[in-house]
mmCIF file of all heavy atoms, coordinates in Angstrom:
data_MODEL
# 
_entry.id   MODEL 
# 
loop_
_atom_site.group_PDB 
_atom_site.id 
_atom_site.type_symbol 
_atom_site.label_atom_id 
_atom_site.label_alt_id 
_atom_site.label_comp_id 
_atom_site.label_asym_id 
_atom_site.label_entity_id 
_atom_site.label_seq_id 
_atom_site.pdbx_PDB_ins_code 
_atom_site.Cartn_x 
_atom_site.Cartn_y 
_atom_site.Cartn_z 
_atom_site.occupancy 
_atom_site.B_iso_or_equiv 
_atom_site.pdbx_formal_charge 
_atom_site.auth_seq_id 
_atom_site.auth_comp_id 
_atom_site.auth_asym_id 
_atom_site.auth_atom_id 
_atom_site.pdbx_PDB_model_num 
ATOM 1   N N   . THR A 1 1  ? 85.105 134.305 109.386 1.00 0.00 ? 1  THR A N   1 
ATOM 2   C CA  . THR A 1 1  ? 85.625 135.172 108.331 1.00 0.00 ? 1  THR A CA  1 
ATOM 3   C C   . THR A 1 1  ? 85.893 136.561 108.891 1.00 0.00 ? 1  THR A C   1 
ATOM 4   O O   . THR A 1 1  ? 85.030 137.150 109.552 1.00 0.00 ? 1  THR A O   1 
ATOM 5   C CB  . THR A 1 1  ? 84.622 135.273 107.166 1.00 0.00 ? 1  THR A CB  1 
ATOM 6   O OG1 . THR A 1 1  ? 84.336 133.958 106.682 1.00 0.00 ? 1  THR A OG1 1 
ATOM 7   C CG2 . THR A 1 1  ? 85.195 136.114 106.031 1.00 0.00 ? 1  THR A CG2 1 
ATOM 8   N N   . GLN A 1 2  ? 87.088 137.075 108.615 1.00 0.00 ? 2  GLN A N   1 
ATOM 9   C CA  . GLN A 1 2  ? 87.491 138.389 109.124 1.00 0.00 ? 2  GLN A CA  1 
ATOM 10  C C   . GLN A 1 2  ? 86.610 139.476 108.520 1.00 0.00 ? 2  GLN A C   1 
ATOM 11  O O   . GLN A 1 2  ? 86.262 139.443 107.332 1.00 0.00 ? 2  GLN A O   1 
ATOM 12  C CB  . GLN A 1 2  ? 88.949 138.640 108.772 1.00 0.00 ? 2  GLN A CB  1 
ATOM 13  C CG  . GLN A 1 2  ? 89.628 139.701 109.610 1.00 0.00 ? 2  GLN A CG  1 
ATOM 14  C CD  . GLN A 1 2  ? 91.136 139.688 109.383 1.00 0.00 ? 2  GLN A CD  1 
ATOM 15  O OE1 . GLN A 1 2  ? 91.595 139.753 108.257 1.00 0.00 ? 2  GLN A OE1 1 
ATOM 16  N NE2 . GLN A 1 2  ? 91.892 139.585 110.463 1.00 0.00 ? 2  GLN A NE2 1 
ATOM 17  N N   . GLY A 1 3  ? 86.265 140.445 109.352 1.00 0.00 ? 3  GLY A N   1 
ATOM 18  C CA  . GLY A 1 3  ? 85.389 141.520 108.914 1.00 0.00 ? 3  GLY A CA  1 
ATOM 19  C C   . GLY A 1 3  ? 86.119 142.812 108.641 1.00 0.00 ? 3  GLY A C   1 
ATOM 20  O O   . GLY A 1 3  ? 87.188 142.830 108.022 1.00 0.00 ? 3  GLY A O   1 
ATOM 21  N N   . SER A 1 4  ? 85.584 143.912 109.174 1.00 0.00 ? 4  SER A N   1 
ATOM 22  C CA  . SER A 1 4  ? 86.103 145.245 108.861 1.00 0.00 ? 4  SER A CA  1 
ATOM 23  C C   . SER A 1 4  ? 87.406 145.574 109.569 1.00 0.00 ? 4  SER A C   1 
ATOM 24  O O   . SER A 1 4  ? 88.065 146.556 109.238 1.00 0.00 ? 4  SER A O   1 
ATOM 25  C CB  . SER A 1 4  ? 85.044 146.299 109.222 1.00 0.00 ? 4  SER A CB  1 
ATOM 26  O OG  . SER A 1 4  ? 84.687 146.192 110.596 1.00 0.00 ? 4  SER A OG  1 
ATOM 27  N N   . SER A 1 5  ? 87.788 144.769 110.549 1.00 0.00 ? 5  SER A N   1 
ATOM 28  C CA  . SER A 1 5  ? 89.052 144.986 111.252 1.00 0.00 ? 5  SER A CA  1 
ATOM 29  C C   . SER A 1 5  ? 89.633 143.624 111.604 1.00 0.00 ? 5  SER A C   1 
ATOM 30  O O   . SER A 1 5  ? 88.916 142.614 111.602 1.00 0.00 ? 5  SER A O   1 
ATOM 31  C CB  . SER A 1 5  ? 88.833 145.820 112.514 1.00 0.00 ? 5  SER A CB  1 
ATOM 32  O OG  . SER A 1 5  ? 88.206 145.039 113.516 1.00 0.00 ? 5  SER A OG  1 
ATOM 33  N N   . PRO A 1 6  ? 90.930 143.564 111.927 1.00 0.00 ? 6  PRO A N   1 
ATOM 34  C CA  . PRO A 1 6  ? 91.550 142.270 112.259 1.00 0.00 ? 6  PRO A CA  1 
ATOM 35  C C   . PRO A 1 6  ? 90.900 141.573 113.451 1.00 0.00 ? 6  PRO A C   1 
ATOM 36  O O   . PRO A 1 6  ? 91.022 140.352 113.593 1.00 0.00 ? 6  PRO A O   1 
ATOM 37  C CB  . PRO A 1 6  ? 93.005 142.647 112.579 1.00 0.00 ? 6  PRO A CB  1 
ATOM 38  C CG  . PRO A 1 6  ? 93.246 143.914 111.825 1.00 0.00 ? 6  PRO A CG  1 
ATOM 39  C CD  . PRO A 1 6  ? 91.938 144.652 111.885 1.00 0.00 ? 6  PRO A CD  1 
ATOM 40  N N   . GLU A 1 7  ? 90.210 142.336 114.305 1.00 0.00 ? 7  GLU A N   1 
ATOM 41  C CA  . GLU A 1 7  ? 89.627 141.753 115.520 1.00 0.00 ? 7  GLU A CA  1 
ATOM 42  C C   . GLU A 1 7  ? 88.199 141.272 115.336 1.00 0.00 ? 7  GLU A C   1 
ATOM 43  O O   . GLU A 1 7  ? 87.651 140.604 116.214 1.00 0.00 ? 7  GLU A O   1 
ATOM 44  C CB  . GLU A 1 7  ? 89.658 142.787 116.663 1.00 0.00 ? 7  GLU A CB  1 
ATOM 45  C CG  . GLU A 1 7  ? 91.042 143.209 117.105 1.00 0.00 ? 7  GLU A CG  1 
ATOM 46  C CD  . GLU A 1 7  ? 91.675 144.242 116.176 1.00 0.00 ? 7  GLU A CD  1 
ATOM 47  O OE1 . GLU A 1 7  ? 90.908 144.892 115.416 1.00 0.00 ? 7  GLU A OE1 1 
ATOM 48  O OE2 . GLU A 1 7  ? 92.908 144.386 116.202 1.00 0.00 ? 7  GLU A OE2 1 
ATOM 49  N N   . LYS A 1 8  ? 87.571 141.602 114.215 1.00 0.00 ? 8  LYS A N   1 
ATOM 50  C CA  . LYS A 1 8  ? 86.152 141.268 114.021 1.00 0.00 ? 8  LYS A CA  1 
ATOM 51  C C   . LYS A 1 8  ? 86.015 140.049 113.109 1.00 0.00 ? 8  LYS A C   1 
ATOM 52  O O   . LYS A 1 8  ? 86.587 140.014 112.023 1.00 0.00 ? 8  LYS A O   1 
ATOM 53  C CB  . LYS A 1 8  ? 85.396 142.455 113.426 1.00 0.00 ? 8  LYS A CB  1 
ATOM 54  C CG  . LYS A 1 8  ? 85.304 143.648 114.365 1.00 0.00 ? 8  LYS A CG  1 
ATOM 55  C CD  . LYS A 1 8  ? 84.446 144.745 113.759 1.00 0.00 ? 8  LYS A CD  1 
ATOM 56  C CE  . LYS A 1 8  ? 84.343 145.948 114.699 1.00 0.00 ? 8  LYS A CE  1 
ATOM 57  N NZ  . LYS A 1 8  ? 83.700 145.613 115.980 1.00 0.00 ? 8  LYS A NZ  1 
ATOM 58  N N   . PHE A 1 9  ? 85.240 139.062 113.565 1.00 0.00 ? 9  PHE A N   1 
ATOM 59  C CA  . PHE A 1 9  ? 85.004 137.856 112.776 1.00 0.00 ? 9  PHE A CA  1 
ATOM 60  C C   . PHE A 1 9  ? 83.528 137.499 112.787 1.00 0.00 ? 9  PHE A C   1 
ATOM 61  O O   . PHE A 1 9  ? 82.854 137.574 113.821 1.00 0.00 ? 9  PHE A O   1 
ATOM 62  C CB  . PHE A 1 9  ? 85.821 136.678 113.334 1.00 0.00 ? 9  PHE A CB  1 
ATOM 63  C CG  . PHE A 1 9  ? 87.247 136.680 112.880 1.00 0.00 ? 9  PHE A CG  1 
ATOM 64  C CD1 . PHE A 1 9  ? 88.191 137.466 113.527 1.00 0.00 ? 9  PHE A CD1 1 
ATOM 65  C CD2 . PHE A 1 9  ? 87.651 135.925 111.792 1.00 0.00 ? 9  PHE A CD2 1 
ATOM 66  C CE1 . PHE A 1 9  ? 89.507 137.494 113.108 1.00 0.00 ? 9  PHE A CE1 1 
ATOM 67  C CE2 . PHE A 1 9  ? 88.963 135.942 111.357 1.00 0.00 ? 9  PHE A CE2 1 
ATOM 68  C CZ  . PHE A 1 9  ? 89.896 136.721 112.014 1.00 0.00 ? 9  PHE A CZ  1 
ATOM 69  N N   . GLU A 1 10 ? 83.053 137.112 111.610 1.00 0.00 ? 10 GLU A N   1 
ATOM 70  C CA  . GLU A 1 10 ? 81.685 136.611 111.471 1.00 0.00 ? 10 GLU A CA  1 
ATOM 71  C C   . GLU A 1 10 ? 81.758 135.089 111.392 1.00 0.00 ? 10 GLU A C   1 
ATOM 72  O O   . GLU A 1 10 ? 82.524 134.537 110.597 1.00 0.00 ? 10 GLU A O   1 
ATOM 73  C CB  . GLU A 1 10 ? 81.033 137.168 110.208 1.00 0.00 ? 10 GLU A CB  1 
ATOM 74  C CG  . GLU A 1 10 ? 79.619 136.663 109.986 1.00 0.00 ? 10 GLU A CG  1 
ATOM 75  C CD  . GLU A 1 10 ? 79.006 137.214 108.712 1.00 0.00 ? 10 GLU A CD  1 
ATOM 76  O OE1 . GLU A 1 10 ? 79.513 138.263 108.212 1.00 0.00 ? 10 GLU A OE1 1 
ATOM 77  O OE2 . GLU A 1 10 ? 78.051 136.601 108.208 1.00 0.00 ? 10 GLU A OE2 1 
ATOM 78  N N   . VAL A 1 11 ? 80.975 134.427 112.213 1.00 0.00 ? 11 VAL A N   1 
ATOM 79  C CA  . VAL A 1 11 ? 81.032 132.966 112.312 1.00 0.00 ? 11 VAL A CA  1 
ATOM 80  C C   . VAL A 1 11 ? 79.814 132.338 111.645 1.00 0.00 ? 11 VAL A C   1 
ATOM 81  O O   . VAL A 1 11 ? 78.678 132.751 111.896 1.00 0.00 ? 11 VAL A O   1 
ATOM 82  C CB  . VAL A 1 11 ? 81.121 132.514 113.777 1.00 0.00 ? 11 VAL A CB  1 
ATOM 83  C CG1 . VAL A 1 11 ? 81.125 130.991 113.872 1.00 0.00 ? 11 VAL A CG1 1 
ATOM 84  C CG2 . VAL A 1 11 ? 82.364 133.094 114.445 1.00 0.00 ? 11 VAL A CG2 1 
ATOM 85  N N   . LYS A 1 12 ? 80.059 131.347 110.828 1.00 0.00 ? 12 LYS A N   1 
ATOM 86  C CA  . LYS A 1 12 ? 78.987 130.600 110.174 1.00 0.00 ? 12 LYS A CA  1 
ATOM 87  C C   . LYS A 1 12 ? 79.077 129.141 110.616 1.00 0.00 ? 12 LYS A C   1 
ATOM 88  O O   . LYS A 1 12 ? 80.129 128.511 110.501 1.00 0.00 ? 12 LYS A O   1 
ATOM 89  C CB  . LYS A 1 12 ? 79.117 130.684 108.650 1.00 0.00 ? 12 LYS A CB  1 
ATOM 90  C CG  . LYS A 1 12 ? 78.018 129.951 107.887 1.00 0.00 ? 12 LYS A CG  1 
ATOM 91  C CD  . LYS A 1 12 ? 78.318 129.933 106.390 1.00 0.00 ? 12 LYS A CD  1 
ATOM 92  C CE  . LYS A 1 12 ? 78.349 131.335 105.821 1.00 0.00 ? 12 LYS A CE  1 
ATOM 93  N NZ  . LYS A 1 12 ? 78.550 131.296 104.333 1.00 0.00 ? 12 LYS A NZ  1 
ATOM 94  N N   . LYS A 1 13 ? 77.980 128.615 111.128 1.00 0.00 ? 13 LYS A N   1 
ATOM 95  C CA  . LYS A 1 13 ? 77.926 127.206 111.497 1.00 0.00 ? 13 LYS A CA  1 
ATOM 96  C C   . LYS A 1 13 ? 77.529 126.401 110.269 1.00 0.00 ? 13 LYS A C   1 
ATOM 97  O O   . LYS A 1 13 ? 76.545 126.732 109.582 1.00 0.00 ? 13 LYS A O   1 
ATOM 98  C CB  . LYS A 1 13 ? 76.920 126.982 112.617 1.00 0.00 ? 13 LYS A CB  1 
ATOM 99  C CG  . LYS A 1 13 ? 76.864 125.540 113.106 1.00 0.00 ? 13 LYS A CG  1 
ATOM 100 C CD  . LYS A 1 13 ? 75.921 125.376 114.284 1.00 0.00 ? 13 LYS A CD  1 
ATOM 101 C CE  . LYS A 1 13 ? 75.901 123.944 114.795 1.00 0.00 ? 13 LYS A CE  1 
ATOM 102 N NZ  . LYS A 1 13 ? 75.002 123.767 115.969 1.00 0.00 ? 13 LYS A NZ  1 
ATOM 103 N N   . LEU A 1 14 ? 78.272 125.350 109.977 1.00 0.00 ? 14 LEU A N   1 
ATOM 104 C CA  . LEU A 1 14 ? 78.018 124.552 108.777 1.00 0.00 ? 14 LEU A CA  1 
ATOM 105 C C   . LEU A 1 14 ? 77.390 123.223 109.182 1.00 0.00 ? 14 LEU A C   1 
ATOM 106 O O   . LEU A 1 14 ? 78.018 122.397 109.843 1.00 0.00 ? 14 LEU A O   1 
ATOM 107 C CB  . LEU A 1 14 ? 79.336 124.324 108.030 1.00 0.00 ? 14 LEU A CB  1 
ATOM 108 C CG  . LEU A 1 14 ? 80.109 125.587 107.643 1.00 0.00 ? 14 LEU A CG  1 
ATOM 109 C CD1 . LEU A 1 14 ? 81.438 125.235 106.991 1.00 0.00 ? 14 LEU A CD1 1 
ATOM 110 C CD2 . LEU A 1 14 ? 79.277 126.482 106.734 1.00 0.00 ? 14 LEU A CD2 1 
ATOM 111 N N   . GLU A 1 15 ? 76.134 123.042 108.790 1.00 0.00 ? 15 GLU A N   1 
ATOM 112 C CA  . GLU A 1 15 ? 75.404 121.814 109.097 1.00 0.00 ? 15 GLU A CA  1 
ATOM 113 C C   . GLU A 1 15 ? 74.834 121.225 107.802 1.00 0.00 ? 15 GLU A C   1 
ATOM 114 O O   . GLU A 1 15 ? 73.983 121.867 107.174 1.00 0.00 ? 15 GLU A O   1 
ATOM 115 C CB  . GLU A 1 15 ? 74.279 122.078 110.092 1.00 0.00 ? 15 GLU A CB  1 
ATOM 116 C CG  . GLU A 1 15 ? 74.746 122.454 111.472 1.00 0.00 ? 15 GLU A CG  1 
ATOM 117 C CD  . GLU A 1 15 ? 73.585 122.640 112.444 1.00 0.00 ? 15 GLU A CD  1 
ATOM 118 O OE1 . GLU A 1 15 ? 72.641 123.375 112.094 1.00 0.00 ? 15 GLU A OE1 1 
ATOM 119 O OE2 . GLU A 1 15 ? 73.618 122.044 113.521 1.00 0.00 ? 15 GLU A OE2 1 
ATOM 120 N N   . PRO A 1 16 ? 75.304 120.068 107.386 1.00 0.00 ? 16 PRO A N   1 
ATOM 121 C CA  . PRO A 1 16 ? 76.358 119.267 107.999 1.00 0.00 ? 16 PRO A CA  1 
ATOM 122 C C   . PRO A 1 16 ? 77.724 119.919 107.770 1.00 0.00 ? 16 PRO A C   1 
ATOM 123 O O   . PRO A 1 16 ? 77.834 120.844 106.950 1.00 0.00 ? 16 PRO A O   1 
ATOM 124 C CB  . PRO A 1 16 ? 76.250 117.933 107.257 1.00 0.00 ? 16 PRO A CB  1 
ATOM 125 C CG  . PRO A 1 16 ? 75.745 118.322 105.901 1.00 0.00 ? 16 PRO A CG  1 
ATOM 126 C CD  . PRO A 1 16 ? 74.774 119.452 106.147 1.00 0.00 ? 16 PRO A CD  1 
ATOM 127 N N   . PRO A 1 17 ? 78.771 119.464 108.448 1.00 0.00 ? 17 PRO A N   1 
ATOM 128 C CA  . PRO A 1 17 ? 80.100 120.043 108.246 1.00 0.00 ? 17 PRO A CA  1 
ATOM 129 C C   . PRO A 1 17 ? 80.532 119.939 106.787 1.00 0.00 ? 17 PRO A C   1 
ATOM 130 O O   . PRO A 1 17 ? 80.212 118.966 106.098 1.00 0.00 ? 17 PRO A O   1 
ATOM 131 C CB  . PRO A 1 17 ? 80.998 119.176 109.142 1.00 0.00 ? 17 PRO A CB  1 
ATOM 132 C CG  . PRO A 1 17 ? 80.077 118.664 110.197 1.00 0.00 ? 17 PRO A CG  1 
ATOM 133 C CD  . PRO A 1 17 ? 78.767 118.439 109.502 1.00 0.00 ? 17 PRO A CD  1 
ATOM 134 N N   . ARG A 1 18 ? 81.227 120.965 106.329 1.00 0.00 ? 18 ARG A N   1 
ATOM 135 C CA  . ARG A 1 18 ? 81.764 120.951 104.962 1.00 0.00 ? 18 ARG A CA  1 
ATOM 136 C C   . ARG A 1 18 ? 82.995 120.046 104.909 1.00 0.00 ? 18 ARG A C   1 
ATOM 137 O O   . ARG A 1 18 ? 83.872 120.134 105.762 1.00 0.00 ? 18 ARG A O   1 
ATOM 138 C CB  . ARG A 1 18 ? 82.150 122.358 104.531 1.00 0.00 ? 18 ARG A CB  1 
ATOM 139 C CG  . ARG A 1 18 ? 82.686 122.426 103.090 1.00 0.00 ? 18 ARG A CG  1 
ATOM 140 C CD  . ARG A 1 18 ? 83.294 123.780 102.801 1.00 0.00 ? 18 ARG A CD  1 
ATOM 141 N NE  . ARG A 1 18 ? 82.337 124.829 103.043 1.00 0.00 ? 18 ARG A NE  1 
ATOM 142 C CZ  . ARG A 1 18 ? 82.664 126.087 103.367 1.00 0.00 ? 18 ARG A CZ  1 
ATOM 143 N NH1 . ARG A 1 18 ? 83.937 126.407 103.525 1.00 0.00 ? 18 ARG A NH1 1 
ATOM 144 N NH2 . ARG A 1 18 ? 81.731 126.991 103.562 1.00 0.00 ? 18 ARG A NH2 1 
ATOM 145 N N   . GLU A 1 19 ? 83.047 119.187 103.920 1.00 0.00 ? 19 GLU A N   1 
ATOM 146 C CA  . GLU A 1 19 ? 84.168 118.269 103.763 1.00 0.00 ? 19 GLU A CA  1 
ATOM 147 C C   . GLU A 1 19 ? 85.206 118.893 102.834 1.00 0.00 ? 19 GLU A C   1 
ATOM 148 O O   . GLU A 1 19 ? 84.941 119.115 101.657 1.00 0.00 ? 19 GLU A O   1 
ATOM 149 C CB  . GLU A 1 19 ? 83.689 116.926 103.204 1.00 0.00 ? 19 GLU A CB  1 
ATOM 150 C CG  . GLU A 1 19 ? 82.696 116.227 104.119 1.00 0.00 ? 19 GLU A CG  1 
ATOM 151 C CD  . GLU A 1 19 ? 82.273 114.872 103.580 1.00 0.00 ? 19 GLU A CD  1 
ATOM 152 O OE1 . GLU A 1 19 ? 82.733 114.496 102.473 1.00 0.00 ? 19 GLU A OE1 1 
ATOM 153 O OE2 . GLU A 1 19 ? 81.489 114.172 104.259 1.00 0.00 ? 19 GLU A OE2 1 
ATOM 154 N N   . ASP A 1 20 ? 86.371 119.171 103.390 1.00 0.00 ? 20 ASP A N   1 
ATOM 155 C CA  . ASP A 1 20 ? 87.436 119.810 102.607 1.00 0.00 ? 20 ASP A CA  1 
ATOM 156 C C   . ASP A 1 20 ? 88.549 118.810 102.311 1.00 0.00 ? 20 ASP A C   1 
ATOM 157 O O   . ASP A 1 20 ? 89.005 118.092 103.206 1.00 0.00 ? 20 ASP A O   1 
ATOM 158 C CB  . ASP A 1 20 ? 88.017 120.997 103.374 1.00 0.00 ? 20 ASP A CB  1 
ATOM 159 C CG  . ASP A 1 20 ? 89.069 121.746 102.569 1.00 0.00 ? 20 ASP A CG  1 
ATOM 160 O OD1 . ASP A 1 20 ? 88.682 122.576 101.726 1.00 0.00 ? 20 ASP A OD1 1 
ATOM 161 O OD2 . ASP A 1 20 ? 90.267 121.471 102.766 1.00 0.00 ? 20 ASP A OD2 1 
ATOM 162 N N   . THR A 1 21 ? 88.974 118.771 101.047 1.00 0.00 ? 21 THR A N   1 
ATOM 163 C CA  . THR A 1 21 ? 90.108 117.926 100.653 1.00 0.00 ? 21 THR A CA  1 
ATOM 164 C C   . THR A 1 21 ? 91.198 118.776 99.997  1.00 0.00 ? 21 THR A C   1 
ATOM 165 O O   . THR A 1 21 ? 92.036 118.260 99.271  1.00 0.00 ? 21 THR A O   1 
ATOM 166 C CB  . THR A 1 21 ? 89.659 116.821 99.686  1.00 0.00 ? 21 THR A CB  1 
ATOM 167 O OG1 . THR A 1 21 ? 89.009 117.411 98.542  1.00 0.00 ? 21 THR A OG1 1 
ATOM 168 C CG2 . THR A 1 21 ? 88.697 115.860 100.365 1.00 0.00 ? 21 THR A CG2 1 
ATOM 169 N N   . GLY A 1 22 ? 91.156 120.073 100.279 1.00 0.00 ? 22 GLY A N   1 
ATOM 170 C CA  . GLY A 1 22 ? 92.137 120.991 99.717  1.00 0.00 ? 22 GLY A CA  1 
ATOM 171 C C   . GLY A 1 22 ? 93.068 121.534 100.785 1.00 0.00 ? 22 GLY A C   1 
ATOM 172 O O   . GLY A 1 22 ? 93.636 120.787 101.575 1.00 0.00 ? 22 GLY A O   1 
ATOM 173 N N   . PHE A 1 23 ? 93.200 122.852 100.816 1.00 0.00 ? 23 PHE A N   1 
ATOM 174 C CA  . PHE A 1 23 ? 94.173 123.497 101.703 1.00 0.00 ? 23 PHE A CA  1 
ATOM 175 C C   . PHE A 1 23 ? 93.961 123.129 103.161 1.00 0.00 ? 23 PHE A C   1 
ATOM 176 O O   . PHE A 1 23 ? 94.904 122.754 103.867 1.00 0.00 ? 23 PHE A O   1 
ATOM 177 C CB  . PHE A 1 23 ? 94.115 125.014 101.531 1.00 0.00 ? 23 PHE A CB  1 
ATOM 178 C CG  . PHE A 1 23 ? 94.992 125.757 102.516 1.00 0.00 ? 23 PHE A CG  1 
ATOM 179 C CD1 . PHE A 1 23 ? 96.340 125.936 102.262 1.00 0.00 ? 23 PHE A CD1 1 
ATOM 180 C CD2 . PHE A 1 23 ? 94.467 126.250 103.713 1.00 0.00 ? 23 PHE A CD2 1 
ATOM 181 C CE1 . PHE A 1 23 ? 97.158 126.593 103.187 1.00 0.00 ? 23 PHE A CE1 1 
ATOM 182 C CE2 . PHE A 1 23 ? 95.271 126.912 104.627 1.00 0.00 ? 23 PHE A CE2 1 
ATOM 183 C CZ  . PHE A 1 23 ? 96.619 127.080 104.362 1.00 0.00 ? 23 PHE A CZ  1 
ATOM 184 N N   . TYR A 1 24 ? 92.727 123.261 103.653 1.00 0.00 ? 24 TYR A N   1 
ATOM 185 C CA  . TYR A 1 24 ? 92.489 123.060 105.079 1.00 0.00 ? 24 TYR A CA  1 
ATOM 186 C C   . TYR A 1 24 ? 92.804 121.620 105.495 1.00 0.00 ? 24 TYR A C   1 
ATOM 187 O O   . TYR A 1 24 ? 93.352 121.381 106.584 1.00 0.00 ? 24 TYR A O   1 
ATOM 188 C CB  . TYR A 1 24 ? 91.050 123.421 105.436 1.00 0.00 ? 24 TYR A CB  1 
ATOM 189 C CG  . TYR A 1 24 ? 90.750 124.889 105.269 1.00 0.00 ? 24 TYR A CG  1 
ATOM 190 C CD1 . TYR A 1 24 ? 89.924 125.343 104.246 1.00 0.00 ? 24 TYR A CD1 1 
ATOM 191 C CD2 . TYR A 1 24 ? 91.305 125.826 106.135 1.00 0.00 ? 24 TYR A CD2 1 
ATOM 192 C CE1 . TYR A 1 24 ? 89.654 126.695 104.093 1.00 0.00 ? 24 TYR A CE1 1 
ATOM 193 C CE2 . TYR A 1 24 ? 91.046 127.183 105.988 1.00 0.00 ? 24 TYR A CE2 1 
ATOM 194 C CZ  . TYR A 1 24 ? 90.215 127.613 104.958 1.00 0.00 ? 24 TYR A CZ  1 
ATOM 195 O OH  . TYR A 1 24 ? 89.973 128.953 104.809 1.00 0.00 ? 24 TYR A OH  1 
# 
């Protein structure tokens, strides 16, 4: 997820993986 600037990202590990049936 983008943070305070376009170059900064916060990463979250999803365990178990999130199952997406929408946009992604």
